[in-house]
């Protein structure tokens, strides 16, 4: 059965590949699986029908038969478990790849999201100027550790896996900040992910949504 995922009708990232449906699209492309996309507006995301799929009124969601999932990491894990190409066959390597999936959203992403909050939601607060350097320091601390661990390797643990897919999806959120440029091996790591044919297909599909909506609007 062809799964259906949800995505923004009008993405805040303006087609830059940062919305979280990109991670799900990429995973499906890596696995060679067809999928359908249902676009939802910001108002529709808060309606009962969508909240039945995603209790927090966000995207993406994933529907396949009687199964409905939310949270991009969970969806990518579901795809990776059921299709070849995203998790190693070796049990230990598989466990490590899953660990990197968790690390991406639990360790690396929170301070990155905090930066977005500090800039866009709290930038007008009287204490914003003092808080921002602390947020940047926390990000640099995490990036420094990740940079050391990656070293000169192509991927985080041998062959490309869902762990790399999730990690690169998180790191892409830093591009506009310039922080990635401080860690050349991480910048190159992200570029390798973007060069994958499956990523390019997923990015083109997400960009096409923005382009078509921009033409309508």
Protein backbone atom coordinates (compact mmCIF):
# COMPACT_ATOMS: atom_id res chain seq x y z
CA UNK A 1 0.00 0.00 0.00
CA UNK A 2 1.36 3.42 -0.95
CA UNK A 3 1.82 5.57 2.17
CA UNK A 4 0.59 9.14 2.42
CA UNK A 5 2.58 11.81 4.21
CA UNK A 6 1.54 15.34 5.11
CA UNK A 7 3.50 18.50 4.34
CA UNK A 8 3.01 22.24 4.61
CA UNK A 9 0.76 23.78 2.00
CA UNK A 10 2.90 26.91 2.37
CA UNK A 11 6.21 26.03 3.99
CA UNK A 12 7.83 28.65 6.26
CA UNK A 13 11.24 27.68 4.88
CA UNK A 14 10.25 28.77 1.36
CA UNK A 15 11.34 25.51 -0.24
CA UNK A 16 14.79 25.26 1.36
CA UNK A 17 14.34 21.67 2.47
CA UNK A 18 14.15 22.42 6.20
CA UNK A 19 10.56 21.37 6.92
CA UNK A 20 10.54 17.96 8.59
CA UNK A 21 8.61 16.23 5.84
CA UNK A 22 11.92 16.48 3.95
CA UNK A 23 13.42 13.82 6.22
CA UNK A 24 10.54 11.46 5.48
CA UNK A 25 10.63 12.15 1.75
CA UNK A 26 14.38 11.49 1.74
CA UNK A 27 14.00 8.21 3.59
CA UNK A 28 11.31 7.02 1.19
CA UNK A 29 13.48 8.01 -1.77
CA UNK A 30 16.49 6.16 -0.33
CA UNK A 31 14.30 3.10 0.15
CA UNK A 32 12.92 3.38 -3.39
CA UNK A 33 9.35 3.55 -2.11
CA UNK A 34 6.55 5.52 -3.79
CA UNK A 35 4.48 7.82 -1.63
CA UNK A 36 1.72 10.37 -1.84
CA UNK A 37 1.64 13.80 -0.22
CA UNK A 38 -1.34 15.57 1.27
CA UNK A 39 -0.72 19.29 1.73
CA UNK A 40 -2.21 20.92 4.81
CA UNK A 41 -2.67 24.58 5.69
CA UNK A 42 -1.73 26.04 9.07
CA UNK A 43 -5.40 26.27 10.00
CA UNK A 44 -6.10 22.68 8.93
CA UNK A 45 -3.20 21.48 11.07
CA UNK A 46 -5.11 22.60 14.16
CA UNK A 47 -8.39 20.96 13.18
CA UNK A 48 -9.58 17.70 14.82
CA UNK A 49 -9.05 15.64 11.66
CA UNK A 50 -5.32 16.43 11.56
CA UNK A 51 -4.90 16.30 15.33
CA UNK A 52 -6.23 12.77 15.20
CA UNK A 53 -3.07 11.97 13.23
CA UNK A 54 -0.72 14.37 15.03
CA UNK A 55 -1.85 15.35 18.54
CA UNK A 56 0.39 18.43 18.51
CA UNK A 57 -0.96 19.77 15.23
CA UNK A 58 2.29 19.60 13.27
CA UNK A 59 3.72 17.87 10.21
CA UNK A 60 4.74 15.38 8.99
CA UNK A 61 2.34 12.51 9.51
CA UNK A 62 2.49 9.11 7.85
CA UNK A 63 -0.48 6.93 6.96
CA UNK A 64 -0.21 3.41 5.62
CA UNK A 65 -3.36 1.31 5.81
CA UNK A 66 -4.48 1.28 9.44
CA UNK A 67 -1.17 2.68 10.65
CA UNK A 68 -0.81 6.40 11.41
CA UNK A 69 2.48 7.83 12.70
CA UNK A 70 3.79 11.25 13.64
CA UNK A 71 7.27 12.62 14.48
CA UNK A 72 9.82 12.54 11.67
CA UNK A 73 12.31 10.37 13.57
CA UNK A 74 9.70 7.72 14.30
CA UNK A 75 8.51 7.73 10.69
CA UNK A 76 12.04 7.43 9.31
CA UNK A 77 12.73 4.57 11.71
CA UNK A 78 9.57 2.80 10.56
CA UNK A 79 10.64 3.16 6.91
CA UNK A 80 14.20 2.06 7.67
CA UNK A 81 13.05 -1.04 9.52
CA UNK A 82 10.85 -2.23 6.69
CA UNK A 83 12.94 -1.42 3.64
CA UNK A 84 16.57 -2.05 2.72
CA UNK A 85 19.09 0.72 2.39
CA UNK A 86 18.80 2.71 5.61
CA UNK A 87 19.89 0.33 8.37
CA UNK A 88 22.82 -2.14 8.30
CA UNK A 89 22.20 -5.88 8.35
CA UNK A 90 24.73 -6.42 11.14
CA UNK A 91 22.91 -6.20 14.48
CA UNK A 92 25.54 -4.08 16.24
CA UNK A 93 25.94 -1.68 13.33
CA UNK A 94 22.15 -1.44 13.14
CA UNK A 95 21.95 -0.53 16.81
CA UNK A 96 24.62 2.14 16.37
CA UNK A 97 22.77 3.66 13.40
CA UNK A 98 19.60 3.86 15.51
CA UNK A 99 21.61 5.47 18.28
CA UNK A 100 22.72 8.20 15.87
CA UNK A 101 19.09 8.76 14.92
CA UNK A 102 18.30 9.43 18.57
CA UNK A 103 21.39 11.58 19.00
CA UNK A 104 20.38 13.81 16.11
CA UNK A 105 17.02 14.77 17.59
CA UNK A 106 17.83 14.48 21.31
CA UNK A 107 21.34 15.95 21.52
CA UNK A 108 22.09 18.00 18.41
CA UNK A 109 18.73 19.44 17.42
CA UNK A 110 17.53 21.01 20.73
CA UNK A 111 20.18 23.77 20.91
CA UNK A 112 19.73 24.44 17.18
CA UNK A 113 15.99 24.93 17.68
CA UNK A 114 16.81 27.11 20.69
CA UNK A 115 18.76 29.39 18.35
CA UNK A 116 15.73 29.80 16.11
CA UNK A 117 13.60 30.61 19.15
CA UNK A 118 16.15 33.11 20.43
CA UNK A 119 16.30 34.91 17.10
CA UNK A 120 12.72 34.89 15.91
CA UNK A 121 10.47 34.51 18.96
CA UNK A 122 12.57 36.18 21.64
CA UNK A 123 14.69 38.62 19.65
CA UNK A 124 12.74 41.62 20.95
CA UNK A 125 13.12 40.69 24.63
CA UNK A 126 15.37 42.90 26.79
CA UNK A 127 17.54 39.92 27.72
CA UNK A 128 17.88 38.55 24.16
CA UNK A 129 21.29 40.10 23.54
CA UNK A 130 22.73 38.43 26.64
CA UNK A 131 21.12 35.07 25.95
CA UNK A 132 22.14 34.63 22.32
CA UNK A 133 25.89 34.06 22.98
CA UNK A 134 24.99 31.32 25.48
CA UNK A 135 22.82 29.57 22.90
CA UNK A 136 25.59 29.79 20.30
CA UNK A 137 28.10 28.38 22.76
CA UNK A 138 25.87 25.36 23.41
CA UNK A 139 25.58 24.70 19.69
CA UNK A 140 29.33 25.01 19.19
CA UNK A 141 29.93 22.60 22.04
CA UNK A 142 27.74 19.96 20.40
CA UNK A 143 29.16 20.58 16.94
CA UNK A 144 32.69 20.34 18.29
CA UNK A 145 31.99 16.93 19.78
CA UNK A 146 30.32 15.74 16.60
CA UNK A 147 33.16 17.06 14.45
CA UNK A 148 35.71 15.16 16.51
CA UNK A 149 33.69 11.96 16.31
CA UNK A 150 33.19 12.22 12.53
CA UNK A 151 36.82 13.09 11.88
CA UNK A 152 37.79 12.30 8.30
CA UNK A 153 35.12 9.63 7.86
CA UNK A 154 32.56 9.87 5.11
CA UNK A 155 29.62 8.89 7.32
CA UNK A 156 29.07 8.51 11.05
CA UNK A 157 29.50 4.74 11.23
CA UNK A 158 30.64 3.04 8.07
CA UNK A 159 28.05 3.13 5.29
CA UNK A 160 25.35 5.78 4.98
CA UNK A 161 22.38 5.04 7.23
CA UNK A 162 19.22 6.53 8.69
CA UNK A 163 21.48 7.95 11.39
CA UNK A 164 23.24 10.10 8.80
CA UNK A 165 19.95 11.03 7.15
CA UNK A 166 18.53 12.35 10.40
CA UNK A 167 21.76 14.05 11.48
CA UNK A 168 22.18 15.84 8.15
CA UNK A 169 18.54 16.89 8.24
CA UNK A 170 19.18 18.52 11.61
CA UNK A 171 22.49 20.15 10.64
CA UNK A 172 20.94 21.74 7.56
CA UNK A 173 19.04 24.05 9.90
CA UNK A 174 22.34 25.76 10.71
CA UNK A 175 23.27 26.72 7.17
CA UNK A 176 21.92 30.27 7.34
CA UNK A 177 23.71 30.90 10.65
CA UNK A 178 27.18 30.22 9.21
CA UNK A 179 28.03 27.99 12.17
CA UNK A 180 28.59 24.94 10.00
CA UNK A 181 31.38 26.76 8.18
CA UNK A 182 33.35 26.71 11.44
CA UNK A 183 33.57 22.92 11.15
CA UNK A 184 34.74 22.05 7.62
CA UNK A 185 34.34 18.30 8.06
CA UNK A 186 30.70 18.76 9.13
CA UNK A 187 30.03 21.12 6.24
CA UNK A 188 31.49 18.54 3.86
CA UNK A 189 29.45 15.81 5.54
CA UNK A 190 26.23 17.74 4.95
CA UNK A 191 27.25 18.41 1.33
CA UNK A 192 27.76 14.66 0.78
CA UNK A 193 24.24 14.05 2.01
CA UNK A 194 22.82 16.71 -0.29
CA UNK A 195 24.68 15.16 -3.23
CA UNK A 196 22.88 11.84 -2.86
CA UNK A 197 20.39 11.25 -5.68
CA UNK A 198 17.64 10.36 -3.20
CA UNK A 199 18.14 13.65 -1.38
CA UNK A 200 17.99 15.58 -4.65
CA UNK A 201 14.71 13.91 -5.59
CA UNK A 202 13.20 14.64 -2.20
CA UNK A 203 14.39 18.25 -2.27
CA UNK A 204 13.00 18.79 -5.77
CA UNK A 205 9.63 17.39 -4.71
CA UNK A 206 9.43 19.66 -1.68
CA UNK A 207 10.63 22.69 -3.64
CA UNK A 208 7.98 22.03 -6.30
CA UNK A 209 5.28 22.50 -3.65
CA UNK A 210 6.59 25.93 -2.71
CA UNK A 211 7.07 26.93 -6.33
CA UNK A 212 3.53 25.97 -7.30
CA UNK A 213 2.02 27.69 -4.27
CA UNK A 214 4.08 30.83 -4.90
CA UNK A 215 2.77 30.97 -8.46
CA UNK A 216 -0.81 30.62 -7.22
CA UNK A 217 -0.30 33.20 -4.50
